[in-house]
Protein backbone atom coordinates (compact mmCIF):
# COMPACT_ATOMS: atom_id res chain seq x y z
CA MET A 1 32.21 3.15 5.51
CA LYS A 2 28.55 2.67 6.39
CA THR A 3 27.16 -0.83 5.84
CA SER A 4 23.88 -0.64 3.93
CA LYS A 5 20.91 -2.44 5.45
CA ILE A 6 18.69 -4.60 3.26
CA LEU A 7 15.35 -6.02 4.38
CA ILE A 8 14.32 -9.02 2.25
CA VAL A 9 10.57 -9.69 2.31
CA GLU A 10 10.23 -13.07 0.61
CA ASP A 11 8.41 -16.28 1.60
CA ASP A 12 10.29 -18.68 -0.70
CA GLU A 13 12.89 -20.18 1.65
CA ARG A 14 15.32 -21.16 -1.10
CA LEU A 15 15.25 -17.68 -2.60
CA GLN A 16 15.50 -16.17 0.89
CA LYS A 17 18.69 -18.12 1.57
CA MET A 18 20.19 -17.38 -1.83
CA LEU A 19 19.58 -13.63 -1.48
CA ARG A 20 20.72 -13.52 2.14
CA ASP A 21 23.95 -15.40 1.42
CA TYR A 22 24.72 -13.45 -1.75
CA PHE A 23 24.16 -9.98 -0.30
CA THR A 24 25.90 -10.85 2.97
CA ALA A 25 28.94 -11.86 0.92
CA GLN A 26 28.73 -8.47 -0.82
CA GLY A 27 29.01 -6.70 2.53
CA PHE A 28 25.37 -5.82 3.24
CA ASN A 29 23.60 -6.14 6.58
CA ILE A 30 20.66 -8.47 5.90
CA THR A 31 17.33 -9.05 7.66
CA VAL A 32 14.72 -11.47 6.28
CA VAL A 33 10.94 -11.52 6.78
CA GLY A 34 8.81 -14.28 5.28
CA ASP A 35 5.30 -13.22 6.33
CA GLY A 36 3.67 -10.23 4.67
CA SER A 37 1.67 -9.37 7.78
CA LYS A 38 4.93 -8.63 9.65
CA ALA A 39 6.61 -6.66 6.88
CA VAL A 40 5.41 -3.10 7.53
CA ASP A 41 6.30 -3.28 11.22
CA ALA A 42 9.74 -4.62 10.28
CA ILE A 43 10.27 -1.80 7.77
CA TYR A 44 9.29 0.86 10.32
CA GLU A 45 11.44 -0.65 13.06
CA LEU A 46 14.54 -1.40 10.99
CA GLN A 47 14.37 1.58 8.56
CA PRO A 48 16.58 -0.25 6.06
CA ASP A 49 18.33 1.48 3.19
CA ILE A 50 16.46 -0.75 0.75
CA VAL A 51 13.64 -3.30 0.85
CA LEU A 52 13.57 -6.22 -1.58
CA LEU A 53 9.83 -6.90 -1.64
CA ASP A 54 8.11 -9.91 -3.16
CA LEU A 55 4.62 -9.26 -4.54
CA MET A 56 3.04 -12.62 -3.69
CA LEU A 57 3.25 -13.14 0.06
CA PRO A 58 1.24 -14.88 2.76
CA GLY A 59 -0.65 -12.56 5.08
CA VAL A 60 -0.44 -9.29 3.13
CA ASP A 61 0.53 -8.84 -0.52
CA GLY A 62 3.51 -6.78 -1.64
CA LEU A 63 1.54 -3.90 -3.19
CA THR A 64 -0.36 -3.36 0.05
CA ILE A 65 2.90 -3.46 2.02
CA CYS A 66 4.47 -0.93 -0.34
CA ARG A 67 1.54 1.47 -0.05
CA GLN A 68 1.35 1.22 3.74
CA ALA A 69 5.10 1.41 4.29
CA ARG A 70 5.46 4.63 2.30
CA LYS A 71 3.59 6.55 5.02
CA ASN A 72 6.67 6.45 7.29
CA PHE A 73 9.52 5.09 5.19
CA GLN A 74 11.79 7.10 2.92
CA GLY A 75 14.21 4.33 1.90
CA LYS A 76 14.23 2.50 -1.41
CA ILE A 77 11.77 -0.28 -2.32
CA LEU A 78 12.61 -2.76 -5.08
CA ILE A 79 9.83 -5.16 -6.03
CA LEU A 80 10.57 -8.80 -6.87
CA THR A 81 7.87 -10.22 -9.09
CA ALA A 82 7.21 -13.45 -10.99
CA SER A 83 4.58 -11.58 -12.99
CA ASP A 84 5.32 -10.11 -16.40
CA ASP A 85 2.06 -8.13 -16.25
CA ASP A 86 2.82 -4.46 -16.91
CA PHE A 87 -0.15 -3.48 -14.72
CA ASP A 88 1.54 -4.87 -11.59
CA HIS A 89 4.76 -3.06 -12.45
CA VAL A 90 3.06 0.28 -13.14
CA VAL A 91 0.91 0.11 -10.01
CA GLY A 92 3.95 -0.77 -7.91
CA LEU A 93 5.87 2.25 -9.19
CA GLU A 94 2.89 4.58 -8.78
CA ILE A 95 2.30 3.65 -5.15
CA GLY A 96 5.91 4.16 -4.12
CA ALA A 97 8.24 1.42 -5.39
CA ASP A 98 11.52 2.65 -6.89
CA ASP A 99 12.21 -0.25 -9.26
CA TYR A 100 11.32 -3.87 -9.95
CA VAL A 101 13.12 -7.04 -11.02
CA THR A 102 11.36 -9.97 -12.65
CA LYS A 103 11.96 -13.52 -11.46
CA PRO A 104 13.87 -15.77 -11.92
CA ILE A 105 16.34 -13.56 -10.07
CA LYS A 106 19.82 -13.10 -11.51
CA PRO A 107 21.91 -12.08 -8.47
CA ARG A 108 24.41 -9.90 -10.34
CA VAL A 109 21.62 -8.01 -12.11
CA LEU A 110 19.79 -7.54 -8.81
CA LEU A 111 23.00 -6.33 -7.15
CA ALA A 112 23.51 -3.76 -9.90
CA ARG A 113 19.92 -2.50 -9.45
CA VAL A 114 20.38 -2.31 -5.67
CA ARG A 115 23.63 -0.35 -5.98
CA SER A 116 22.05 1.97 -8.53
CA LEU A 117 19.12 2.70 -6.20
CA LEU A 118 21.40 3.31 -3.24
CA ARG A 119 23.31 5.92 -5.26
CA ARG A 120 20.10 7.91 -5.81
CA PRO A 121 19.46 10.83 -3.47
CA ALA A 122 17.09 10.07 -0.62
CA LEU A 123 13.45 10.84 -1.27
CA PRO A 124 12.14 14.13 0.10
CA GLN A 125 9.45 13.82 2.74
CA GLN A 126 6.59 12.51 0.68
CA THR A 127 3.17 14.05 0.49
CA GLU A 128 0.14 11.86 0.37
CA SER A 129 -0.25 9.92 -2.87
CA GLU A 130 -2.65 11.44 -5.40
CA THR A 131 -3.71 8.03 -6.76
CA LEU A 132 -4.73 4.90 -4.85
CA TYR A 133 -5.32 1.39 -6.19
CA PHE A 134 -7.12 -1.46 -4.46
CA GLY A 135 -7.68 -4.42 -6.78
CA LYS A 136 -9.99 -3.05 -9.49
CA LEU A 137 -10.73 0.16 -7.59
CA LYS A 138 -8.84 3.32 -8.60
CA LEU A 139 -9.13 6.68 -6.84
CA GLU A 140 -7.58 9.91 -8.15
CA ARG A 141 -7.62 12.65 -5.56
CA LYS A 142 -6.80 15.58 -7.85
CA TYR A 143 -9.84 15.03 -10.08
CA LYS A 144 -12.14 13.42 -7.47
CA HIS A 145 -12.20 10.48 -9.87
CA CYS A 146 -13.38 6.98 -8.94
CA GLU A 147 -13.19 3.95 -11.22
CA PHE A 148 -14.00 0.32 -10.66
CA ASP A 149 -12.85 -2.19 -13.29
CA ARG A 150 -12.26 0.84 -15.57
CA LYS A 151 -15.90 1.97 -15.17
CA LEU A 152 -16.43 5.51 -13.90
CA ILE A 153 -18.37 5.77 -10.64
CA HIS A 154 -20.14 9.11 -10.33
CA LEU A 155 -19.56 10.36 -6.79
CA THR A 156 -20.22 13.83 -5.45
CA GLU A 157 -17.23 15.68 -4.03
CA SER A 158 -18.30 14.93 -0.47
CA GLU A 159 -18.85 11.25 -1.28
CA PHE A 160 -15.43 11.01 -2.90
CA ASP A 161 -13.79 12.74 0.07
CA LEU A 162 -15.34 10.19 2.42
CA LEU A 163 -14.19 7.25 0.31
CA TRP A 164 -10.70 8.77 -0.06
CA LEU A 165 -10.34 9.31 3.68
CA LEU A 166 -11.33 5.72 4.42
CA ALA A 167 -9.04 4.41 1.66
CA THR A 168 -6.02 6.31 3.00
CA ARG A 169 -6.67 4.64 6.35
CA ALA A 170 -7.20 1.21 4.75
CA ASP A 171 -7.59 -1.71 7.19
CA GLU A 172 -8.04 0.66 10.14
CA VAL A 173 -11.27 1.44 11.95
CA VAL A 174 -12.06 5.15 11.52
CA SER A 175 -14.53 6.50 14.06
CA ARG A 176 -17.59 8.62 13.24
CA ASP A 177 -16.01 11.37 15.32
CA GLU A 178 -12.85 11.38 13.18
CA LEU A 179 -14.87 11.31 9.96
CA THR A 180 -17.17 14.11 11.11
CA LYS A 181 -14.26 16.33 12.17
CA ALA A 182 -12.30 15.69 8.96
CA LEU A 183 -15.19 16.02 6.52
CA ARG A 184 -17.52 18.51 8.22
CA GLY A 185 -15.25 20.38 10.58
CA ILE A 186 -17.49 19.81 13.60
CA GLU A 187 -17.61 17.46 16.57
CA TYR A 188 -19.77 14.35 16.29
CA ASP A 189 -22.71 14.75 18.65
CA GLY A 190 -23.64 11.07 18.78
CA VAL A 191 -26.88 11.70 16.87
CA ASP A 192 -25.97 13.21 13.48
CA ARG A 193 -26.42 10.61 10.72
CA THR A 194 -24.77 12.58 7.91
CA ILE A 195 -21.71 10.34 7.71
CA ASP A 196 -23.78 7.16 7.97
CA ASN A 197 -26.08 8.32 5.17
CA ARG A 198 -23.08 9.20 3.02
CA ILE A 199 -21.64 5.72 3.59
CA VAL A 200 -24.95 4.18 2.48
CA ARG A 201 -24.89 6.30 -0.67
CA VAL A 202 -21.28 5.38 -1.56
CA ARG A 203 -21.99 1.69 -1.00
CA LYS A 204 -25.08 1.90 -3.21
CA LEU A 205 -23.21 3.57 -6.06
CA LEU A 206 -20.35 1.06 -5.91
CA SER A 207 -22.72 -1.90 -5.61
CA HIS A 208 -23.79 -1.35 -9.23
CA VAL A 209 -20.41 -2.74 -10.31
CA GLN A 210 -19.31 -4.81 -7.32
CA ASP A 211 -20.62 -6.43 -4.15
CA VAL A 212 -18.98 -4.05 -1.66
CA SER A 213 -20.61 -5.41 1.48
CA LYS A 214 -17.11 -6.33 2.71
CA GLY A 215 -15.34 -3.38 1.13
CA ILE A 216 -16.65 -0.74 3.54
CA GLN A 217 -17.49 -2.45 6.80
CA THR A 218 -19.47 -1.10 9.73
CA VAL A 219 -17.70 -1.86 12.99
CA ARG A 220 -20.45 -1.62 15.55
CA GLY A 221 -19.85 0.99 18.21
CA LYS A 222 -16.55 2.09 16.66
CA GLY A 223 -16.93 3.34 13.09
CA TYR A 224 -16.07 2.16 9.59
CA LEU A 225 -13.30 0.08 8.06
CA PHE A 226 -12.14 0.09 4.44
CA ASP A 227 -10.95 -3.46 3.65
CA SER A 228 -8.07 -3.22 1.17
CA HIS A 229 -8.47 -6.87 0.12
CA ALA A 230 -12.18 -6.72 -0.82
CA TRP A 231 -11.82 -4.95 -4.15
């Protein structure tokens, strides 16, 4: 019988030990990561059957990890949260989590949730999410809809497409060449300022509700970076 692999992403050492000991005793193969900045790499490398993912982590928060991991991970993700805020729970489920358990953790309840998730059929290969959340920023691809702090931001279709592309590559530098090819279907000639002007316009529109100077960063000589933590 196959031994299920669990990756525990939790920085609280006492809770780490409790979960590791409990699930090891139940016959699971356990790996523990305590730093959020190492979690996505660990998920990709290990490809566990299920990830127990804390929301509040050093380095990178749990929602960001969940969103990034879903690009190349089809296993189950169960969020561990000390928050009773429905918003956190809903966002977690919408960006790819399968379930959540509220702290303080009751091991037998958590075990039942884990076993229930593992009985579910594996996810089909996922298509790109239609809704993205970054702090107070919400993007809905289907309707080209942008909100910040529940206020509608009026973007043209081309402006939304630019923001969406950057957001789906959050925390990565995206070159002008990549942006030009993706959004205009042509090679960047080193002179065309269309993308740069569109960036200026998007920043200006968003600046009415938020200082976005750090949200969409210019990386000199390389391109643009959408900072997932600036919203």
